Amino acid sequence: MTQETKVLENKLRRMADRQGMRLVKSRSRDENAIDYGLYGLIDVQTNGAVNQPIAGRWICSWTLDEVREYLEGDSE
């Protein structure tokens, strides 16, 4: 993970927190896994995923850019 990626991830965590969500990162460490390096947004009140899961199973299905797009669009 590059320094720029970590900075963006932290920024998006703060944005999500302000909007009542939690940013989660996939725990997969296998680069061939379907959800490797992806993220998900969890609604704190309902504890449900904001984003659509992959194949109805993997909650982390968005890239950081997709998370940013959602959070910035949601705040306007």
C-alpha atoms as a PDB file:
ATOM      1  CA  MET A   1       0.000   0.000   0.000  1.00  0.00           C
ATOM      2  CA  THR A   2       1.414   3.335  -0.997  1.00  0.00           C
ATOM      3  CA  GLN A   3       1.462   6.378   1.239  1.00  0.00           C
ATOM      4  CA  GLU A   4      -1.063   8.127  -1.051  1.00  0.00           C
ATOM      5  CA  THR A   5      -3.457   5.179  -0.838  1.00  0.00           C
ATOM      6  CA  LYS A   6      -3.279   5.136   2.969  1.00  0.00           C
ATOM      7  CA  VAL A   7      -3.906   8.891   3.148  1.00  0.00           C
ATOM      8  CA  LEU A   8      -6.945   8.539   0.857  1.00  0.00           C
ATOM      9  CA  GLU A   9      -8.223   5.589   2.883  1.00  0.00           C
ATOM     10  CA  ASN A  10      -7.997   7.584   6.125  1.00  0.00           C
ATOM     11  CA  LYS A  11      -9.719  10.582   4.510  1.00  0.00           C
ATOM     12  CA  LEU A  12     -12.563   8.361   3.298  1.00  0.00           C
ATOM     13  CA  ARG A  13     -12.878   6.750   6.743  1.00  0.00           C
ATOM     14  CA  ARG A  14     -13.424  10.201   8.250  1.00  0.00           C
ATOM     15  CA  MET A  15     -15.925  11.154   5.519  1.00  0.00           C
ATOM     16  CA  ALA A  16     -17.853   7.923   6.062  1.00  0.00           C
ATOM     17  CA  ASP A  17     -17.879   8.460   9.823  1.00  0.00           C
ATOM     18  CA  ARG A  18     -19.356  11.944   9.412  1.00  0.00           C
ATOM     19  CA  GLN A  19     -22.137  10.470   7.257  1.00  0.00           C
ATOM     20  CA  GLY A  20     -22.988   7.674   9.705  1.00  0.00           C
ATOM     21  CA  MET A  21     -21.126   4.920   7.891  1.00  0.00           C
ATOM     22  CA  ARG A  22     -18.071   2.782   8.494  1.00  0.00           C
ATOM     23  CA  LEU A  23     -15.471   2.019   5.823  1.00  0.00           C
ATOM     24  CA  VAL A  24     -14.269  -1.582   5.933  1.00  0.00           C
ATOM     25  CA  LYS A  25     -11.428  -3.153   3.998  1.00  0.00           C
ATOM     26  CA  SER A  26     -11.402  -6.695   2.688  1.00  0.00           C
ATOM     27  CA  ARG A  27      -9.377  -9.036   4.882  1.00  0.00           C
ATOM     28  CA  SER A  28      -8.332 -11.176   1.909  1.00  0.00           C
ATOM     29  CA  ARG A  29      -4.572 -11.443   1.564  1.00  0.00           C
ATOM     30  CA  ASP A  30      -4.618 -13.665  -1.498  1.00  0.00           C
ATOM     31  CA  GLU A  31      -4.142 -11.517  -4.600  1.00  0.00           C
ATOM     32  CA  ASN A  32      -6.293 -13.969  -6.583  1.00  0.00           C
ATOM     33  CA  ALA A  33      -9.279 -13.599  -4.238  1.00  0.00           C
ATOM     34  CA  ILE A  34     -12.338 -11.939  -5.745  1.00  0.00           C
ATOM     35  CA  ASP A  35     -12.486  -9.246  -3.042  1.00  0.00           C
ATOM     36  CA  TYR A  36      -8.752  -8.599  -2.652  1.00  0.00           C
ATOM     37  CA  GLY A  37      -7.995  -4.899  -2.138  1.00  0.00           C
ATOM     38  CA  LEU A  38     -11.660  -3.848  -2.155  1.00  0.00           C
ATOM     39  CA  TYR A  39     -13.707  -1.878   0.361  1.00  0.00           C
ATOM     40  CA  GLY A  40     -17.262  -1.702   1.626  1.00  0.00           C
ATOM     41  CA  LEU A  41     -19.451   0.848   3.394  1.00  0.00           C
ATOM     42  CA  ILE A  42     -21.537  -0.229   6.386  1.00  0.00           C
ATOM     43  CA  ASP A  43     -24.480   1.840   7.663  1.00  0.00           C
ATOM     44  CA  VAL A  44     -23.869   2.201  11.404  1.00  0.00           C
ATOM     45  CA  GLN A  45     -27.569   2.341  12.340  1.00  0.00           C
ATOM     46  CA  THR A  46     -28.682  -0.755  10.444  1.00  0.00           C
ATOM     47  CA  ASN A  47     -25.314  -2.552  10.335  1.00  0.00           C
ATOM     48  CA  GLY A  48     -26.090  -3.302   6.681  1.00  0.00           C
ATOM     49  CA  ALA A  49     -23.920  -2.840   3.627  1.00  0.00           C
ATOM     50  CA  VAL A  50     -24.489   0.304   1.557  1.00  0.00           C
ATOM     51  CA  ASN A  51     -22.806  -1.183  -1.514  1.00  0.00           C
ATOM     52  CA  GLN A  52     -24.026  -4.236  -3.401  1.00  0.00           C
ATOM     53  CA  PRO A  53     -22.093  -7.387  -2.379  1.00  0.00           C
ATOM     54  CA  ILE A  54     -20.220  -9.415  -4.981  1.00  0.00           C
ATOM     55  CA  ALA A  55     -22.187 -12.592  -5.803  1.00  0.00           C
ATOM     56  CA  GLY A  56     -24.348 -11.932  -2.728  1.00  0.00           C
ATOM     57  CA  ARG A  57     -21.483 -12.949  -0.464  1.00  0.00           C
ATOM     58  CA  TRP A  58     -18.521 -10.564  -0.368  1.00  0.00           C
ATOM     59  CA  ILE A  59     -19.397  -7.238   1.269  1.00  0.00           C
ATOM     60  CA  CYS A  60     -16.257  -5.498   0.036  1.00  0.00           C
ATOM     61  CA  SER A  61     -16.977  -4.769  -3.608  1.00  0.00           C
ATOM     62  CA  TRP A  62     -15.853  -1.186  -4.249  1.00  0.00           C
ATOM     63  CA  THR A  63     -12.510   0.400  -5.031  1.00  0.00           C
ATOM     64  CA  LEU A  64     -11.425   3.490  -3.112  1.00  0.00           C
ATOM     65  CA  ASP A  65     -12.427   5.625  -6.100  1.00  0.00           C
ATOM     66  CA  GLU A  66     -15.951   4.166  -6.056  1.00  0.00           C
ATOM     67  CA  VAL A  67     -16.189   4.794  -2.297  1.00  0.00           C
ATOM     68  CA  ARG A  68     -15.048   8.387  -2.788  1.00  0.00           C
ATOM     69  CA  GLU A  69     -17.557   8.916  -5.594  1.00  0.00           C
ATOM     70  CA  TYR A  70     -20.391   7.632  -3.402  1.00  0.00           C
ATOM     71  CA  LEU A  71     -19.410   9.663  -0.335  1.00  0.00           C
ATOM     72  CA  GLU A  72     -18.839  12.904  -2.254  1.00  0.00           C
ATOM     73  CA  GLY A  73     -22.071  12.479  -4.181  1.00  0.00           C
ATOM     74  CA  ASP A  74     -23.975  11.721  -0.981  1.00  0.00           C
ATOM     75  CA  SER A  75     -22.783  14.908   0.726  1.00  0.00           C
ATOM     76  CA  GLU A  76     -23.897  17.307  -2.032  1.00  0.00           C
END
